[in-house]
Amino acid sequence: MRRFYINPANISRDKAVLEGDDARHLKQVLRIQTGQMVSLFDGAGTIYKAEVEKISKSTVGLIIFESHKETDTPPHLHIAQCIIKKKNMELIIQKSTELGVYSFTPIISQNCSLTYRPSTQESRWQKIAFEACKQCGRSYVPPIEAPVNISDFLADLHYDQKIILWENESKNSLQPFSSTNPPNSLLLLIGPEGGFTQEEVSLALAAGFTSASLGNLTLRAETAAISALAITQYLLNRSNHEASKK
């Protein structure tokens, strides 16, 4: 079945109303007709099976037949990404959502690209996360937090484990936890095109971060971010699976 986002406010008992881009896509692109079944998700974990009941000019009315709740169980991977160039930042948000990231925080650091417009860019980032969830089948949409200065961000953090990716780290690779005791929450702090300053790294280490490297190659910011996400998510899921068998 085709899958659409439904605003929870547009659900009343066994009725739902689809509007905006999703309604237009259903009608004009997919040309779905009344009587056809679709899948809806509310972004917070609930999946609905519904039938198209009525198609109007700007909305689509649906009848809900069944629903079930899915949960994003630990371990949870959180990302703090220093803001980079527009298209590359959007790519990281899209791919991190597909890779199961639980939350995403844009960071303002000394070397980041401050090319975003707060009034419009943040809503676009969140929309990209919604679209990625539709594509990959996730029922939980990770929140895209408001951009925050790195010093303010580091001042108050509550995660089981915190890692900063730093190109000058020569000892620690990205093997951040014991396979017998994986953390419930892990934060990756990833730098901009120009990298972190020494002062920023020192602040992170003082805040309880462990620094880690992705190897000897110099990677683009978006390549480093996506690679680190994929590696860490794989290690977290494998460790959690091994721990659950014991």
C-alpha atoms as a PDB file:
ATOM      1  CA  MET A   1       0.000   0.000   0.000  1.00  0.00           C
ATOM      2  CA  ARG A   2       1.047   3.582  -0.596  1.00  0.00           C
ATOM      3  CA  ARG A   3       2.191   5.363   2.557  1.00  0.00           C
ATOM      4  CA  PHE A   4       1.309   8.899   3.683  1.00  0.00           C
ATOM      5  CA  TYR A   5       1.908  11.101   6.709  1.00  0.00           C
ATOM      6  CA  ILE A   6      -1.224  12.013   8.655  1.00  0.00           C
ATOM      7  CA  ASN A   7      -1.300  14.855  11.159  1.00  0.00           C
ATOM      8  CA  PRO A   8      -2.648  13.391  14.454  1.00  0.00           C
ATOM      9  CA  ALA A   9      -4.904  16.455  14.724  1.00  0.00           C
ATOM     10  CA  ASN A  10      -6.649  15.283  11.540  1.00  0.00           C
ATOM     11  CA  ILE A  11      -7.740  11.964  13.069  1.00  0.00           C
ATOM     12  CA  SER A  12     -11.094  11.634  14.840  1.00  0.00           C
ATOM     13  CA  ARG A  13     -12.098   8.119  15.914  1.00  0.00           C
ATOM     14  CA  ASP A  14     -12.235   6.108  12.669  1.00  0.00           C
ATOM     15  CA  LYS A  15     -12.022   9.110  10.345  1.00  0.00           C
ATOM     16  CA  ALA A  16      -8.965  10.900   8.986  1.00  0.00           C
ATOM     17  CA  VAL A  17      -8.340  13.806   6.643  1.00  0.00           C
ATOM     18  CA  LEU A  18      -5.279  14.018   4.449  1.00  0.00           C
ATOM     19  CA  GLU A  19      -4.286  17.493   3.276  1.00  0.00           C
ATOM     20  CA  GLY A  20      -1.416  19.488   1.800  1.00  0.00           C
ATOM     21  CA  ASP A  21       1.301  17.852  -0.306  1.00  0.00           C
ATOM     22  CA  ASP A  22       0.262  14.318   0.627  1.00  0.00           C
ATOM     23  CA  ALA A  23      -3.309  14.877  -0.524  1.00  0.00           C
ATOM     24  CA  ARG A  24      -2.103  16.385  -3.821  1.00  0.00           C
ATOM     25  CA  HIS A  25       0.337  13.512  -4.339  1.00  0.00           C
ATOM     26  CA  LEU A  26      -2.381  10.933  -3.703  1.00  0.00           C
ATOM     27  CA  LYS A  27      -4.782  12.581  -6.164  1.00  0.00           C
ATOM     28  CA  GLN A  28      -2.641  14.073  -8.907  1.00  0.00           C
ATOM     29  CA  VAL A  29       0.439  11.861  -9.043  1.00  0.00           C
ATOM     30  CA  LEU A  30      -0.653   8.431  -7.839  1.00  0.00           C
ATOM     31  CA  ARG A  31      -4.264   8.922  -8.995  1.00  0.00           C
ATOM     32  CA  ILE A  32      -5.588   6.801  -6.167  1.00  0.00           C
ATOM     33  CA  GLN A  33      -9.369   6.409  -6.284  1.00  0.00           C
ATOM     34  CA  THR A  34     -12.053   6.073  -3.633  1.00  0.00           C
ATOM     35  CA  GLY A  35     -12.241   2.567  -2.227  1.00  0.00           C
ATOM     36  CA  GLN A  36      -8.479   1.969  -2.425  1.00  0.00           C
ATOM     37  CA  MET A  37      -6.489   1.137   0.721  1.00  0.00           C
ATOM     38  CA  VAL A  38      -3.520   3.186   1.916  1.00  0.00           C
ATOM     39  CA  SER A  39      -1.179   3.202   4.905  1.00  0.00           C
ATOM     40  CA  LEU A  40      -0.873   6.241   7.174  1.00  0.00           C
ATOM     41  CA  PHE A  41       1.717   7.088   9.824  1.00  0.00           C
ATOM     42  CA  ASP A  42       1.554   9.907  12.370  1.00  0.00           C
ATOM     43  CA  GLY A  43       5.298  10.406  12.896  1.00  0.00           C
ATOM     44  CA  ALA A  44       5.108   9.259  16.526  1.00  0.00           C
ATOM     45  CA  GLY A  45       4.977   5.524  15.921  1.00  0.00           C
ATOM     46  CA  THR A  46       1.338   4.756  15.061  1.00  0.00           C
ATOM     47  CA  ILE A  47       0.499   3.077  11.740  1.00  0.00           C
ATOM     48  CA  TYR A  48      -3.032   3.136  10.295  1.00  0.00           C
ATOM     49  CA  LYS A  49      -4.664   1.039   7.582  1.00  0.00           C
ATOM     50  CA  ALA A  50      -7.287   3.192   5.868  1.00  0.00           C
ATOM     51  CA  GLU A  51      -9.608   3.323   2.882  1.00  0.00           C
ATOM     52  CA  VAL A  52     -10.010   6.403   0.709  1.00  0.00           C
ATOM     53  CA  GLU A  53     -13.611   7.531   1.246  1.00  0.00           C
ATOM     54  CA  LYS A  54     -13.854  10.950  -0.384  1.00  0.00           C
ATOM     55  CA  ILE A  55     -11.596  13.045  -2.619  1.00  0.00           C
ATOM     56  CA  SER A  56     -12.230  16.788  -2.741  1.00  0.00           C
ATOM     57  CA  LYS A  57     -10.342  19.723  -4.209  1.00  0.00           C
ATOM     58  CA  SER A  58      -7.882  20.167  -1.352  1.00  0.00           C
ATOM     59  CA  THR A  59      -8.355  17.183   0.988  1.00  0.00           C
ATOM     60  CA  VAL A  60      -8.811  13.433   1.037  1.00  0.00           C
ATOM     61  CA  GLY A  61     -11.181  11.799   3.525  1.00  0.00           C
ATOM     62  CA  LEU A  62     -10.367   8.310   4.808  1.00  0.00           C
ATOM     63  CA  ILE A  63     -11.917   5.596   6.960  1.00  0.00           C
ATOM     64  CA  ILE A  64      -9.511   3.942   9.424  1.00  0.00           C
ATOM     65  CA  PHE A  65      -9.928   0.178   9.747  1.00  0.00           C
ATOM     66  CA  GLU A  66      -7.056  -0.706  12.054  1.00  0.00           C
ATOM     67  CA  SER A  67      -3.986   0.734  13.756  1.00  0.00           C
ATOM     68  CA  HIS A  68      -0.964  -0.429  15.690  1.00  0.00           C
ATOM     69  CA  LYS A  69       1.856   1.227  17.581  1.00  0.00           C
ATOM     70  CA  GLU A  70       5.518   0.723  16.768  1.00  0.00           C
ATOM     71  CA  THR A  71       8.327   1.844  19.057  1.00  0.00           C
ATOM     72  CA  ASP A  72      11.901   2.885  18.409  1.00  0.00           C
ATOM     73  CA  THR A  73      13.547   0.680  21.003  1.00  0.00           C
ATOM     74  CA  PRO A  74      17.037   1.397  22.404  1.00  0.00           C
ATOM     75  CA  PRO A  75      19.829   1.745  21.642  1.00  0.00           C
ATOM     76  CA  HIS A  76      19.111   5.247  20.342  1.00  0.00           C
ATOM     77  CA  LEU A  77      21.618   7.074  18.166  1.00  0.00           C
ATOM     78  CA  HIS A  78      21.533  10.883  18.352  1.00  0.00           C
ATOM     79  CA  ILE A  79      23.375  13.193  15.950  1.00  0.00           C
ATOM     80  CA  ALA A  80      24.754  16.672  16.539  1.00  0.00           C
ATOM     81  CA  GLN A  81      25.938  17.925  13.143  1.00  0.00           C
ATOM     82  CA  CYS A  82      27.721  21.230  12.646  1.00  0.00           C
ATOM     83  CA  ILE A  83      25.950  23.149   9.900  1.00  0.00           C
ATOM     84  CA  ILE A  84      27.488  22.700   6.459  1.00  0.00           C
ATOM     85  CA  LYS A  85      26.537  23.811   2.957  1.00  0.00           C
ATOM     86  CA  LYS A  86      22.810  23.680   2.254  1.00  0.00           C
ATOM     87  CA  LYS A  87      22.542  20.692  -0.093  1.00  0.00           C
ATOM     88  CA  ASN A  88      25.043  18.624   1.877  1.00  0.00           C
ATOM     89  CA  MET A  89      23.280  19.383   5.157  1.00  0.00           C
ATOM     90  CA  GLU A  90      19.999  18.247   3.636  1.00  0.00           C
ATOM     91  CA  LEU A  91      21.682  15.054   2.410  1.00  0.00           C
ATOM     92  CA  ILE A  92      22.913  14.254   5.929  1.00  0.00           C
ATOM     93  CA  ILE A  93      19.436  14.808   7.402  1.00  0.00           C
ATOM     94  CA  GLN A  94      17.881  12.563   4.764  1.00  0.00           C
ATOM     95  CA  LYS A  95      20.387   9.745   5.169  1.00  0.00           C
ATOM     96  CA  SER A  96      20.527   9.925   8.964  1.00  0.00           C
ATOM     97  CA  THR A  97      16.743   9.529   9.039  1.00  0.00           C
ATOM     98  CA  GLU A  98      16.972   6.499   6.748  1.00  0.00           C
ATOM     99  CA  LEU A  99      19.680   5.073   9.031  1.00  0.00           C
ATOM    100  CA  GLY A 100      17.415   5.256  12.076  1.00  0.00           C
ATOM    101  CA  VAL A 101      18.729   8.308  13.925  1.00  0.00           C
ATOM    102  CA  TYR A 102      16.556   9.153  16.951  1.00  0.00           C
ATOM    103  CA  SER A 103      17.155  12.926  16.992  1.00  0.00           C
ATOM    104  CA  PHE A 104      19.151  15.476  15.005  1.00  0.00           C
ATOM    105  CA  THR A 105      20.622  18.715  16.369  1.00  0.00           C
ATOM    106  CA  PRO A 106      22.224  21.297  14.017  1.00  0.00           C
ATOM    107  CA  ILE A 107      25.249  22.866  15.676  1.00  0.00           C
ATOM    108  CA  ILE A 108      26.730  26.317  15.144  1.00  0.00           C
ATOM    109  CA  SER A 109      30.507  26.082  15.462  1.00  0.00           C
ATOM    110  CA  GLN A 110      33.317  28.447  14.510  1.00  0.00           C
ATOM    111  CA  ASN A 111      33.964  26.906  11.080  1.00  0.00           C
ATOM    112  CA  CYS A 112      30.420  25.976  10.069  1.00  0.00           C
ATOM    113  CA  SER A 113      28.556  27.359   7.063  1.00  0.00           C
ATOM    114  CA  LEU A 114      25.968  29.805   8.405  1.00  0.00           C
ATOM    115  CA  THR A 115      23.928  29.890   5.226  1.00  0.00           C
ATOM    116  CA  TYR A 116      20.594  28.766   6.669  1.00  0.00           C
ATOM    117  CA  ARG A 117      17.532  30.948   7.255  1.00  0.00           C
ATOM    118  CA  PRO A 118      15.956  30.009  10.599  1.00  0.00           C
ATOM    119  CA  SER A 119      12.406  30.923   9.556  1.00  0.00           C
ATOM    120  CA  THR A 120      12.403  28.623   6.526  1.00  0.00           C
ATOM    121  CA  GLN A 121      15.339  26.228   6.723  1.00  0.00           C
ATOM    122  CA  GLU A 122      14.303  24.448   9.908  1.00  0.00           C
ATOM    123  CA  SER A 123      10.859  23.589   8.525  1.00  0.00           C
ATOM    124  CA  ARG A 124      12.480  22.342   5.316  1.00  0.00           C
ATOM    125  CA  TRP A 125      14.873  20.143   7.320  1.00  0.00           C
ATOM    126  CA  GLN A 126      11.960  18.609   9.193  1.00  0.00           C
ATOM    127  CA  LYS A 127      10.081  18.059   5.933  1.00  0.00           C
ATOM    128  CA  ILE A 128      13.106  16.207   4.540  1.00  0.00           C
ATOM    129  CA  ALA A 129      13.028  13.924   7.585  1.00  0.00           C
ATOM    130  CA  PHE A 130       9.312  13.235   7.017  1.00  0.00           C
ATOM    131  CA  GLU A 131       9.900  12.393   3.350  1.00  0.00           C
ATOM    132  CA  ALA A 132      12.786  10.078   4.256  1.00  0.00           C
ATOM    133  CA  CYS A 133      10.520   8.229   6.702  1.00  0.00           C
ATOM    134  CA  LYS A 134       7.980   7.666   3.949  1.00  0.00           C
ATOM    135  CA  GLN A 135      10.666   6.233   1.709  1.00  0.00           C
ATOM    136  CA  CYS A 136      12.340   3.910   4.220  1.00  0.00           C
ATOM    137  CA  GLY A 137       9.262   2.781   6.134  1.00  0.00           C
ATOM    138  CA  ARG A 138      10.005   4.330   9.525  1.00  0.00           C
ATOM    139  CA  SER A 139       6.996   5.170  11.674  1.00  0.00           C
ATOM    140  CA  TYR A 140       8.896   7.516  14.007  1.00  0.00           C
ATOM    141  CA  VAL A 141      10.109  10.828  12.565  1.00  0.00           C
ATOM    142  CA  PRO A 142      13.248  12.120  14.312  1.00  0.00           C
ATOM    143  CA  PRO A 143      12.855  15.699  15.526  1.00  0.00           C
ATOM    144  CA  ILE A 144      15.165  18.248  13.912  1.00  0.00           C
ATOM    145  CA  GLU A 145      16.038  20.543  16.789  1.00  0.00           C
ATOM    146  CA  ALA A 146      16.657  24.286  16.508  1.00  0.00           C
ATOM    147  CA  PRO A 147      20.308  25.154  15.757  1.00  0.00           C
ATOM    148  CA  VAL A 148      22.347  25.790  18.911  1.00  0.00           C
ATOM    149  CA  ASN A 149      25.797  27.192  19.597  1.00  0.00           C
ATOM    150  CA  ILE A 150      28.307  24.441  20.332  1.00  0.00           C
ATOM    151  CA  SER A 151      29.305  25.829  23.746  1.00  0.00           C
ATOM    152  CA  ASP A 152      25.660  25.987  24.853  1.00  0.00           C
ATOM    153  CA  PHE A 153      25.033  22.498  23.516  1.00  0.00           C
ATOM    154  CA  LEU A 154      27.968  21.018  25.418  1.00  0.00           C
ATOM    155  CA  ALA A 155      26.903  22.635  28.683  1.00  0.00           C
ATOM    156  CA  ASP A 156      23.969  20.300  29.390  1.00  0.00           C
ATOM    157  CA  LEU A 157      23.924  16.814  27.870  1.00  0.00           C
ATOM    158  CA  HIS A 158      22.365  13.586  29.103  1.00  0.00           C
ATOM    159  CA  TYR A 159      23.483  10.600  27.046  1.00  0.00           C
ATOM    160  CA  ASP A 160      25.001   7.285  28.076  1.00  0.00           C
ATOM    161  CA  GLN A 161      27.930   7.829  25.729  1.00  0.00           C
ATOM    162  CA  LYS A 162      29.236  10.802  23.741  1.00  0.00           C
ATOM    163  CA  ILE A 163      31.699  10.724  20.832  1.00  0.00           C
ATOM    164  CA  ILE A 164      33.262  13.560  18.868  1.00  0.00           C
ATOM    165  CA  LEU A 165      34.692  12.756  15.442  1.00  0.00           C
ATOM    166  CA  TRP A 166      38.056  14.485  15.117  1.00  0.00           C
ATOM    167  CA  GLU A 167      40.481  14.153  12.237  1.00  0.00           C
ATOM    168  CA  ASN A 168      43.504  14.656  14.512  1.00  0.00           C
ATOM    169  CA  GLU A 169      42.662  11.706  16.755  1.00  0.00           C
ATOM    170  CA  SER A 170      45.426   9.133  16.266  1.00  0.00           C
ATOM    171  CA  LYS A 171      44.532   6.359  18.735  1.00  0.00           C
ATOM    172  CA  ASN A 172      40.779   5.816  18.967  1.00  0.00           C
ATOM    173  CA  SER A 173      38.820   4.368  16.060  1.00  0.00           C
ATOM    174  CA  LEU A 174      35.043   4.279  15.874  1.00  0.00           C
ATOM    175  CA  GLN A 175      34.561   1.264  18.146  1.00  0.00           C
ATOM    176  CA  PRO A 176      32.918   3.234  20.908  1.00  0.00           C
ATOM    177  CA  PHE A 177      31.426   0.683  23.275  1.00  0.00           C
ATOM    178  CA  SER A 178      31.670  -2.807  24.650  1.00  0.00           C
ATOM    179  CA  SER A 179      29.764  -5.447  22.701  1.00  0.00           C
ATOM    180  CA  THR A 180      28.593  -6.914  26.008  1.00  0.00           C
ATOM    181  CA  ASN A 181      27.221  -3.641  27.381  1.00  0.00           C
ATOM    182  CA  PRO A 182      25.917  -1.339  24.608  1.00  0.00           C
ATOM    183  CA  PRO A 183      24.594   2.069  25.708  1.00  0.00           C
ATOM    184  CA  ASN A 184      20.904   2.941  25.578  1.00  0.00           C
ATOM    185  CA  SER A 185      21.735   6.337  24.069  1.00  0.00           C
ATOM    186  CA  LEU A 186      24.766   7.455  22.099  1.00  0.00           C
ATOM    187  CA  LEU A 187      25.557  10.918  20.730  1.00  0.00           C
ATOM    188  CA  LEU A 188      27.816  11.563  17.748  1.00  0.00           C
ATOM    189  CA  LEU A 189      29.169  15.107  17.409  1.00  0.00           C
ATOM    190  CA  ILE A 190      30.292  15.732  13.820  1.00  0.00           C
ATOM    191  CA  GLY A 191      32.142  18.764  12.527  1.00  0.00           C
ATOM    192  CA  PRO A 192      31.751  21.138   9.559  1.00  0.00           C
ATOM    193  CA  GLU A 193      33.813  21.399   6.374  1.00  0.00           C
ATOM    194  CA  GLY A 194      36.568  23.269   8.221  1.00  0.00           C
ATOM    195  CA  GLY A 195      36.626  20.863  11.141  1.00  0.00           C
ATOM    196  CA  PHE A 196      36.539  21.623  14.856  1.00  0.00           C
ATOM    197  CA  THR A 197      38.882  24.109  16.476  1.00  0.00           C
ATOM    198  CA  GLN A 198      41.194  22.867  19.204  1.00  0.00           C
ATOM    199  CA  GLU A 199      39.170  24.861  21.729  1.00  0.00           C
ATOM    200  CA  GLU A 200      35.942  23.135  20.658  1.00  0.00           C
ATOM    201  CA  VAL A 201      37.536  19.707  20.943  1.00  0.00           C
ATOM    202  CA  SER A 202      38.862  20.570  24.405  1.00  0.00           C
ATOM    203  CA  LEU A 203      35.383  21.703  25.480  1.00  0.00           C
ATOM    204  CA  ALA A 204      33.886  18.439  24.236  1.00  0.00           C
ATOM    205  CA  LEU A 205      36.477  16.299  25.999  1.00  0.00           C
ATOM    206  CA  ALA A 206      35.893  18.250  29.209  1.00  0.00           C
ATOM    207  CA  ALA A 207      32.165  17.547  28.798  1.00  0.00           C
ATOM    208  CA  GLY A 208      32.782  13.792  28.794  1.00  0.00           C
ATOM    209  CA  PHE A 209      33.183  13.083  25.086  1.00  0.00           C
ATOM    210  CA  THR A 210      35.552  10.496  23.651  1.00  0.00           C
ATOM    211  CA  SER A 211      37.321  11.519  20.452  1.00  0.00           C
ATOM    212  CA  ALA A 212      37.402   9.072  17.550  1.00  0.00           C
ATOM    213  CA  SER A 213      38.754   8.930  14.011  1.00  0.00           C
ATOM    214  CA  LEU A 214      37.424   7.375  10.816  1.00  0.00           C
ATOM    215  CA  GLY A 215      40.909   6.588   9.537  1.00  0.00           C
ATOM    216  CA  ASN A 216      43.719   8.204   7.592  1.00  0.00           C
ATOM    217  CA  LEU A 217      41.730   9.440   4.601  1.00  0.00           C
ATOM    218  CA  THR A 218      40.450  13.019   4.483  1.00  0.00           C
ATOM    219  CA  LEU A 219      36.701  12.762   3.963  1.00  0.00           C
ATOM    220  CA  ARG A 220      34.217  15.412   2.956  1.00  0.00           C
ATOM    221  CA  ALA A 221      31.980  16.482   5.831  1.00  0.00           C
ATOM    222  CA  GLU A 222      28.885  14.742   4.459  1.00  0.00           C
ATOM    223  CA  THR A 223      30.848  11.560   3.662  1.00  0.00           C
ATOM    224  CA  ALA A 224      32.271  11.446   7.183  1.00  0.00           C
ATOM    225  CA  ALA A 225      28.848  11.967   8.728  1.00  0.00           C
ATOM    226  CA  ILE A 226      27.037   9.297   6.726  1.00  0.00           C
ATOM    227  CA  SER A 227      29.906   6.801   7.127  1.00  0.00           C
ATOM    228  CA  ALA A 228      30.035   7.337  10.893  1.00  0.00           C
ATOM    229  CA  LEU A 229      26.260   6.953  11.155  1.00  0.00           C
ATOM    230  CA  ALA A 230      26.201   3.695   9.232  1.00  0.00           C
ATOM    231  CA  ILE A 231      29.143   2.206  11.135  1.00  0.00           C
ATOM    232  CA  THR A 232      27.836   3.209  14.558  1.00  0.00           C
ATOM    233  CA  GLN A 233      24.272   2.072  13.867  1.00  0.00           C
ATOM    234  CA  TYR A 234      25.562  -1.289  12.696  1.00  0.00           C
ATOM    235  CA  LEU A 235      27.730  -1.699  15.806  1.00  0.00           C
ATOM    236  CA  LEU A 236      24.895  -0.639  18.110  1.00  0.00           C
ATOM    237  CA  ASN A 237      22.409  -3.055  16.571  1.00  0.00           C
ATOM    238  CA  ARG A 238      24.898  -5.930  16.507  1.00  0.00           C
ATOM    239  CA  SER A 239      25.936  -5.353  20.130  1.00  0.00           C
ATOM    240  CA  ASN A 240      22.325  -5.066  21.264  1.00  0.00           C
ATOM    241  CA  HIS A 241      21.489  -8.328  19.485  1.00  0.00           C
ATOM    242  CA  GLU A 242      24.461 -10.126  21.070  1.00  0.00           C
ATOM    243  CA  ALA A 243      23.619  -8.788  24.519  1.00  0.00           C
ATOM    244  CA  SER A 244      19.983  -9.902  24.208  1.00  0.00           C
ATOM    245  CA  LYS A 245      21.084 -13.498  23.542  1.00  0.00           C
ATOM    246  CA  LYS A 246      22.984 -13.717  26.835  1.00  0.00           C
END
